Amino acid sequence: MSPTRPGRRKPERDSGAVTVEAAIALGAFIAVLALALAAISAAIDQLRCIDAAREAARLVARGEPDRARAAAEQIAPSSADVAIKIQADTIQVDVRARPVNGLLPGLQLHGAAYAIAEPGVVEDSS
């Protein structure tokens, strides 16, 4: 037996362990990055829903309901549903969509806007 110096140990065989650890860390990093990018994309689509609803409500209040729907569909994400409801002189616009990327299942994006019709745009039924 050869004497060993105190405090010095024989090197252990762990070749490949660093590679496995790096692969796991890289996979976790990519998963977190993908979820972060999906969340940013969903936030942008949420803002697009809000903008589409606001623009449609403004156009309907001015007396342009056909342009309102076209503008909302152009501004909103591609999967959006636009609902315009007019009751007396009150206008309500709802824009609903699902995130485009599909990494966040079950998430529903929604934008709503309300407006009062400008005088002379909506005829009184009384």
N, C-alpha and C. Protein backbone atom coordinates (compact mmCIF):
# COMPACT_ATOMS: atom_id res chain seq x y z
N MET A 1 0.82 -1.16 0.00
CA MET A 1 0.00 0.00 0.00
C MET A 1 0.87 1.24 0.00
N SER A 2 0.46 2.14 -0.79
CA SER A 2 1.23 3.37 -0.83
C SER A 2 0.62 4.36 0.15
N PRO A 3 1.46 5.02 0.87
CA PRO A 3 0.93 5.98 1.84
C PRO A 3 0.37 7.20 1.10
N THR A 4 -0.73 7.72 1.59
CA THR A 4 -1.31 8.95 1.01
C THR A 4 -1.11 10.08 1.99
N ARG A 5 -0.95 11.23 1.42
CA ARG A 5 -0.76 12.40 2.29
C ARG A 5 -2.10 12.79 2.90
N PRO A 6 -2.06 13.26 4.13
CA PRO A 6 -3.31 13.68 4.76
C PRO A 6 -3.91 14.88 4.01
N GLY A 7 -5.26 14.90 3.88
CA GLY A 7 -5.95 15.99 3.21
C GLY A 7 -6.06 15.79 1.70
N ARG A 8 -5.40 14.81 1.19
CA ARG A 8 -5.46 14.56 -0.25
C ARG A 8 -6.19 13.25 -0.48
N ARG A 9 -7.24 13.34 -1.32
CA ARG A 9 -8.03 12.14 -1.58
C ARG A 9 -7.82 11.70 -3.02
N LYS A 10 -8.12 10.48 -3.23
CA LYS A 10 -8.05 9.96 -4.59
C LYS A 10 -9.15 10.60 -5.43
N PRO A 11 -8.86 10.98 -6.64
CA PRO A 11 -9.92 11.56 -7.48
C PRO A 11 -11.00 10.52 -7.76
N GLU A 12 -12.24 10.97 -7.68
CA GLU A 12 -13.36 10.07 -7.95
C GLU A 12 -13.69 10.13 -9.43
N ARG A 13 -14.24 9.08 -9.92
CA ARG A 13 -14.60 9.01 -11.33
C ARG A 13 -16.01 9.55 -11.50
N ASP A 14 -16.12 10.77 -11.98
CA ASP A 14 -17.43 11.36 -12.23
C ASP A 14 -17.48 11.96 -13.63
N SER A 15 -16.77 11.37 -14.52
CA SER A 15 -16.78 11.89 -15.89
C SER A 15 -18.19 11.78 -16.47
N GLY A 16 -18.65 12.85 -17.07
CA GLY A 16 -19.98 12.88 -17.66
C GLY A 16 -21.02 13.51 -16.75
N ALA A 17 -20.75 13.61 -15.46
CA ALA A 17 -21.74 14.18 -14.55
C ALA A 17 -21.96 15.67 -14.84
N VAL A 18 -20.89 16.35 -15.18
CA VAL A 18 -21.01 17.78 -15.48
C VAL A 18 -21.84 17.97 -16.75
N THR A 19 -21.66 17.10 -17.72
CA THR A 19 -22.43 17.19 -18.96
C THR A 19 -23.91 16.99 -18.69
N VAL A 20 -24.26 16.03 -17.85
CA VAL A 20 -25.66 15.78 -17.52
C VAL A 20 -26.24 16.98 -16.77
N GLU A 21 -25.50 17.51 -15.81
CA GLU A 21 -25.98 18.67 -15.06
C GLU A 21 -26.17 19.87 -15.98
N ALA A 22 -25.27 20.07 -16.91
CA ALA A 22 -25.39 21.19 -17.85
C ALA A 22 -26.59 20.99 -18.76
N ALA A 23 -26.85 19.78 -19.19
CA ALA A 23 -28.00 19.51 -20.05
C ALA A 23 -29.31 19.76 -19.31
N ILE A 24 -29.38 19.36 -18.05
CA ILE A 24 -30.58 19.60 -17.25
C ILE A 24 -30.77 21.10 -17.02
N ALA A 25 -29.70 21.81 -16.70
CA ALA A 25 -29.79 23.26 -16.47
C ALA A 25 -30.19 23.98 -17.76
N LEU A 26 -29.65 23.56 -18.89
CA LEU A 26 -29.99 24.18 -20.16
C LEU A 26 -31.46 23.93 -20.51
N GLY A 27 -31.92 22.72 -20.27
CA GLY A 27 -33.34 22.41 -20.51
C GLY A 27 -34.26 23.23 -19.63
N ALA A 28 -33.92 23.39 -18.36
CA ALA A 28 -34.73 24.20 -17.45
C ALA A 28 -34.71 25.67 -17.87
N PHE A 29 -33.56 26.15 -18.29
CA PHE A 29 -33.44 27.54 -18.75
C PHE A 29 -34.31 27.77 -19.98
N ILE A 30 -34.30 26.84 -20.92
CA ILE A 30 -35.10 26.99 -22.13
C ILE A 30 -36.60 26.94 -21.80
N ALA A 31 -36.99 26.08 -20.87
CA ALA A 31 -38.40 26.01 -20.47
C ALA A 31 -38.86 27.32 -19.82
N VAL A 32 -38.04 27.87 -18.93
CA VAL A 32 -38.39 29.13 -18.28
C VAL A 32 -38.42 30.26 -19.30
N LEU A 33 -37.47 30.27 -20.23
CA LEU A 33 -37.45 31.29 -21.27
C LEU A 33 -38.69 31.20 -22.16
N ALA A 34 -39.09 29.99 -22.52
CA ALA A 34 -40.29 29.81 -23.35
C ALA A 34 -41.54 30.31 -22.63
N LEU A 35 -41.67 29.99 -21.34
CA LEU A 35 -42.83 30.47 -20.59
C LEU A 35 -42.81 31.99 -20.43
N ALA A 36 -41.64 32.57 -20.24
CA ALA A 36 -41.55 34.02 -20.13
C ALA A 36 -41.94 34.69 -21.44
N LEU A 37 -41.47 34.15 -22.56
CA LEU A 37 -41.84 34.72 -23.86
C LEU A 37 -43.33 34.54 -24.14
N ALA A 38 -43.90 33.41 -23.72
CA ALA A 38 -45.35 33.19 -23.89
C ALA A 38 -46.13 34.18 -23.05
N ALA A 39 -45.68 34.47 -21.84
CA ALA A 39 -46.36 35.44 -20.98
C ALA A 39 -46.27 36.85 -21.57
N ILE A 40 -45.13 37.20 -22.13
CA ILE A 40 -44.99 38.51 -22.76
C ILE A 40 -45.90 38.61 -23.97
N SER A 41 -45.95 37.56 -24.77
CA SER A 41 -46.83 37.54 -25.94
C SER A 41 -48.30 37.66 -25.53
N ALA A 42 -48.69 36.97 -24.46
CA ALA A 42 -50.07 37.06 -23.97
C ALA A 42 -50.37 38.46 -23.46
N ALA A 43 -49.41 39.10 -22.81
CA ALA A 43 -49.62 40.47 -22.32
C ALA A 43 -49.80 41.43 -23.49
N ILE A 44 -49.03 41.25 -24.55
CA ILE A 44 -49.18 42.09 -25.73
C ILE A 44 -50.55 41.87 -26.38
N ASP A 45 -50.97 40.61 -26.48
CA ASP A 45 -52.29 40.32 -27.04
C ASP A 45 -53.41 40.89 -26.16
N GLN A 46 -53.22 40.89 -24.85
CA GLN A 46 -54.20 41.49 -23.94
C GLN A 46 -54.33 42.98 -24.22
N LEU A 47 -53.21 43.65 -24.41
CA LEU A 47 -53.25 45.08 -24.73
C LEU A 47 -53.92 45.31 -26.08
N ARG A 48 -53.69 44.41 -27.03
CA ARG A 48 -54.34 44.55 -28.33
C ARG A 48 -55.86 44.39 -28.20
N CYS A 49 -56.31 43.50 -27.32
CA CYS A 49 -57.76 43.34 -27.08
C CYS A 49 -58.35 44.62 -26.49
N ILE A 50 -57.65 45.20 -25.53
CA ILE A 50 -58.12 46.44 -24.91
C ILE A 50 -58.15 47.57 -25.94
N ASP A 51 -57.11 47.69 -26.74
CA ASP A 51 -57.07 48.74 -27.76
C ASP A 51 -58.19 48.56 -28.79
N ALA A 52 -58.42 47.31 -29.20
CA ALA A 52 -59.47 47.04 -30.18
C ALA A 52 -60.84 47.41 -29.63
N ALA A 53 -61.11 47.06 -28.38
CA ALA A 53 -62.39 47.39 -27.76
C ALA A 53 -62.57 48.90 -27.64
N ARG A 54 -61.52 49.58 -27.22
CA ARG A 54 -61.61 51.03 -27.06
C ARG A 54 -61.85 51.72 -28.40
N GLU A 55 -61.14 51.30 -29.43
CA GLU A 55 -61.30 51.92 -30.75
C GLU A 55 -62.70 51.65 -31.31
N ALA A 56 -63.18 50.43 -31.14
CA ALA A 56 -64.53 50.10 -31.64
C ALA A 56 -65.59 50.91 -30.91
N ALA A 57 -65.47 51.05 -29.61
CA ALA A 57 -66.44 51.83 -28.85
C ALA A 57 -66.44 53.29 -29.29
N ARG A 58 -65.26 53.82 -29.54
CA ARG A 58 -65.16 55.20 -29.99
C ARG A 58 -65.82 55.39 -31.35
N LEU A 59 -65.58 54.45 -32.28
CA LEU A 59 -66.16 54.57 -33.61
C LEU A 59 -67.68 54.40 -33.59
N VAL A 60 -68.18 53.48 -32.77
CA VAL A 60 -69.64 53.32 -32.67
C VAL A 60 -70.25 54.57 -32.08
N ALA A 61 -69.60 55.16 -31.09
CA ALA A 61 -70.11 56.39 -30.47
C ALA A 61 -70.18 57.53 -31.48
N ARG A 62 -69.29 57.50 -32.46
CA ARG A 62 -69.31 58.52 -33.52
C ARG A 62 -70.32 58.20 -34.61
N GLY A 63 -70.92 57.00 -34.58
CA GLY A 63 -71.92 56.64 -35.57
C GLY A 63 -71.38 55.83 -36.73
N GLU A 64 -70.27 55.10 -36.51
CA GLU A 64 -69.67 54.29 -37.57
C GLU A 64 -69.52 52.84 -37.11
N PRO A 65 -70.62 52.11 -36.93
CA PRO A 65 -70.53 50.75 -36.42
C PRO A 65 -69.84 49.76 -37.38
N ASP A 66 -69.99 49.96 -38.70
CA ASP A 66 -69.34 49.06 -39.64
C ASP A 66 -67.82 49.21 -39.59
N ARG A 67 -67.37 50.46 -39.54
CA ARG A 67 -65.93 50.69 -39.42
C ARG A 67 -65.42 50.22 -38.07
N ALA A 68 -66.27 50.27 -37.05
CA ALA A 68 -65.86 49.85 -35.71
C ALA A 68 -65.51 48.37 -35.69
N ARG A 69 -66.37 47.55 -36.26
CA ARG A 69 -66.10 46.10 -36.27
C ARG A 69 -64.85 45.79 -37.08
N ALA A 70 -64.71 46.43 -38.25
CA ALA A 70 -63.54 46.19 -39.09
C ALA A 70 -62.25 46.61 -38.38
N ALA A 71 -62.29 47.75 -37.71
CA ALA A 71 -61.10 48.23 -37.00
C ALA A 71 -60.76 47.31 -35.83
N ALA A 72 -61.78 46.87 -35.09
CA ALA A 72 -61.52 45.98 -33.95
C ALA A 72 -60.93 44.66 -34.41
N GLU A 73 -61.44 44.11 -35.50
CA GLU A 73 -60.90 42.84 -36.00
C GLU A 73 -59.48 43.00 -36.53
N GLN A 74 -59.16 44.17 -37.02
CA GLN A 74 -57.80 44.41 -37.51
C GLN A 74 -56.82 44.60 -36.36
N ILE A 75 -57.24 45.29 -35.31
CA ILE A 75 -56.36 45.57 -34.18
C ILE A 75 -56.19 44.36 -33.27
N ALA A 76 -57.26 43.62 -33.04
CA ALA A 76 -57.24 42.49 -32.09
C ALA A 76 -56.41 41.33 -32.63
N PRO A 77 -56.02 40.40 -31.76
CA PRO A 77 -55.33 39.19 -32.22
C PRO A 77 -56.21 38.41 -33.20
N SER A 78 -55.59 37.55 -33.99
CA SER A 78 -56.31 36.86 -35.06
C SER A 78 -57.43 35.95 -34.56
N SER A 79 -57.33 35.45 -33.35
CA SER A 79 -58.35 34.53 -32.83
C SER A 79 -59.45 35.25 -32.04
N ALA A 80 -59.55 36.55 -32.16
CA ALA A 80 -60.46 37.34 -31.31
C ALA A 80 -61.90 37.31 -31.81
N ASP A 81 -62.81 37.36 -30.84
CA ASP A 81 -64.24 37.53 -31.11
C ASP A 81 -64.63 38.92 -30.63
N VAL A 82 -65.29 39.68 -31.50
CA VAL A 82 -65.68 41.04 -31.18
C VAL A 82 -67.20 41.08 -31.02
N ALA A 83 -67.66 41.58 -29.88
CA ALA A 83 -69.11 41.72 -29.62
C ALA A 83 -69.40 43.18 -29.32
N ILE A 84 -70.32 43.75 -30.11
CA ILE A 84 -70.71 45.15 -29.92
C ILE A 84 -72.18 45.15 -29.52
N LYS A 85 -72.46 45.76 -28.36
CA LYS A 85 -73.83 45.84 -27.86
C LYS A 85 -74.21 47.30 -27.67
N ILE A 86 -75.34 47.69 -28.27
CA ILE A 86 -75.82 49.06 -28.16
C ILE A 86 -77.18 49.03 -27.48
N GLN A 87 -77.30 49.71 -26.35
CA GLN A 87 -78.56 49.84 -25.63
C GLN A 87 -78.80 51.31 -25.37
N ALA A 88 -79.84 51.82 -26.00
CA ALA A 88 -80.16 53.26 -25.93
C ALA A 88 -78.95 54.03 -26.42
N ASP A 89 -78.32 54.83 -25.57
CA ASP A 89 -77.14 55.58 -26.02
C ASP A 89 -75.85 55.02 -25.41
N THR A 90 -75.93 53.84 -24.81
CA THR A 90 -74.76 53.21 -24.20
C THR A 90 -74.19 52.15 -25.13
N ILE A 91 -72.90 52.20 -25.33
CA ILE A 91 -72.22 51.25 -26.21
C ILE A 91 -71.26 50.43 -25.37
N GLN A 92 -71.33 49.13 -25.55
CA GLN A 92 -70.42 48.22 -24.85
C GLN A 92 -69.75 47.32 -25.90
N VAL A 93 -68.43 47.24 -25.86
CA VAL A 93 -67.67 46.40 -26.78
C VAL A 93 -66.82 45.44 -25.97
N ASP A 94 -66.95 44.15 -26.28
CA ASP A 94 -66.13 43.11 -25.65
C ASP A 94 -65.30 42.42 -26.72
N VAL A 95 -64.02 42.27 -26.46
CA VAL A 95 -63.12 41.56 -27.36
C VAL A 95 -62.49 40.43 -26.55
N ARG A 96 -62.69 39.21 -26.99
CA ARG A 96 -62.14 38.03 -26.30
C ARG A 96 -61.27 37.25 -27.26
N ALA A 97 -60.16 36.72 -26.73
CA ALA A 97 -59.24 35.94 -27.57
C ALA A 97 -58.49 34.94 -26.71
N ARG A 98 -57.94 33.96 -27.37
CA ARG A 98 -57.04 33.00 -26.73
C ARG A 98 -55.61 33.36 -27.16
N PRO A 99 -54.63 33.11 -26.31
CA PRO A 99 -53.25 33.39 -26.71
C PRO A 99 -52.88 32.60 -27.96
N VAL A 100 -52.14 33.21 -28.84
CA VAL A 100 -51.80 32.60 -30.12
C VAL A 100 -50.80 31.46 -29.95
N ASN A 101 -49.85 31.59 -29.02
CA ASN A 101 -48.76 30.62 -28.93
C ASN A 101 -49.18 29.27 -28.36
N GLY A 102 -50.21 29.18 -27.58
CA GLY A 102 -50.68 27.89 -27.06
C GLY A 102 -49.88 27.35 -25.89
N LEU A 103 -48.88 28.06 -25.40
CA LEU A 103 -48.10 27.59 -24.26
C LEU A 103 -48.78 27.85 -22.92
N LEU A 104 -49.82 28.66 -22.93
CA LEU A 104 -50.54 28.97 -21.70
C LEU A 104 -52.00 28.54 -21.85
N PRO A 105 -52.27 27.24 -21.75
CA PRO A 105 -53.64 26.76 -21.97
C PRO A 105 -54.59 27.27 -20.89
N GLY A 106 -55.81 27.51 -21.30
CA GLY A 106 -56.82 27.96 -20.36
C GLY A 106 -56.83 29.46 -20.12
N LEU A 107 -55.88 30.17 -20.68
CA LEU A 107 -55.84 31.61 -20.50
C LEU A 107 -56.80 32.28 -21.48
N GLN A 108 -57.65 33.15 -20.99
CA GLN A 108 -58.61 33.88 -21.82
C GLN A 108 -58.28 35.36 -21.75
N LEU A 109 -58.01 35.97 -22.88
CA LEU A 109 -57.72 37.39 -22.94
C LEU A 109 -59.03 38.14 -23.17
N HIS A 110 -59.18 39.28 -22.53
CA HIS A 110 -60.45 40.00 -22.61
C HIS A 110 -60.19 41.50 -22.51
N GLY A 111 -60.83 42.24 -23.42
CA GLY A 111 -60.79 43.69 -23.37
C GLY A 111 -62.20 44.21 -23.48
N ALA A 112 -62.55 45.18 -22.68
CA ALA A 112 -63.90 45.75 -22.70
C ALA A 112 -63.78 47.26 -22.71
N ALA A 113 -64.74 47.89 -23.39
CA ALA A 113 -64.79 49.35 -23.42
C ALA A 113 -66.25 49.77 -23.45
N TYR A 114 -66.51 50.90 -22.84
CA TYR A 114 -67.86 51.46 -22.78
C TYR A 114 -67.80 52.90 -23.30
N ALA A 115 -68.85 53.31 -23.94
CA ALA A 115 -68.92 54.68 -24.44
C ALA A 115 -70.37 55.13 -24.45
N ILE A 116 -70.55 56.42 -24.48
CA ILE A 116 -71.86 57.04 -24.64
C ILE A 116 -71.90 57.65 -26.04
N ALA A 117 -72.96 57.37 -26.77
CA ALA A 117 -73.07 57.87 -28.13
C ALA A 117 -73.10 59.40 -28.14
N GLU A 118 -72.47 59.96 -29.14
CA GLU A 118 -72.48 61.41 -29.29
C GLU A 118 -73.89 61.87 -29.64
N PRO A 119 -74.24 63.08 -29.29
CA PRO A 119 -75.59 63.57 -29.58
C PRO A 119 -75.89 63.51 -31.09
N GLY A 120 -77.09 63.03 -31.37
CA GLY A 120 -77.52 62.93 -32.75
C GLY A 120 -77.15 61.63 -33.44
N VAL A 121 -76.32 60.80 -32.80
CA VAL A 121 -75.91 59.54 -33.44
C VAL A 121 -76.97 58.48 -33.25
N VAL A 122 -77.49 58.35 -32.04
CA VAL A 122 -78.52 57.35 -31.75
C VAL A 122 -79.85 58.06 -31.63
N GLU A 123 -80.82 57.59 -32.38
CA GLU A 123 -82.14 58.20 -32.34
C GLU A 123 -82.90 57.74 -31.11
N ASP A 124 -83.54 58.65 -30.43
CA ASP A 124 -84.33 58.30 -29.25
C ASP A 124 -85.56 57.54 -29.69
N SER A 125 -85.89 56.47 -28.95
CA SER A 125 -87.07 55.68 -29.28
C SER A 125 -88.29 56.14 -28.49
N SER A 126 -88.14 57.20 -27.68
CA SER A 126 -89.27 57.69 -26.88
C SER A 126 -90.16 58.64 -27.65
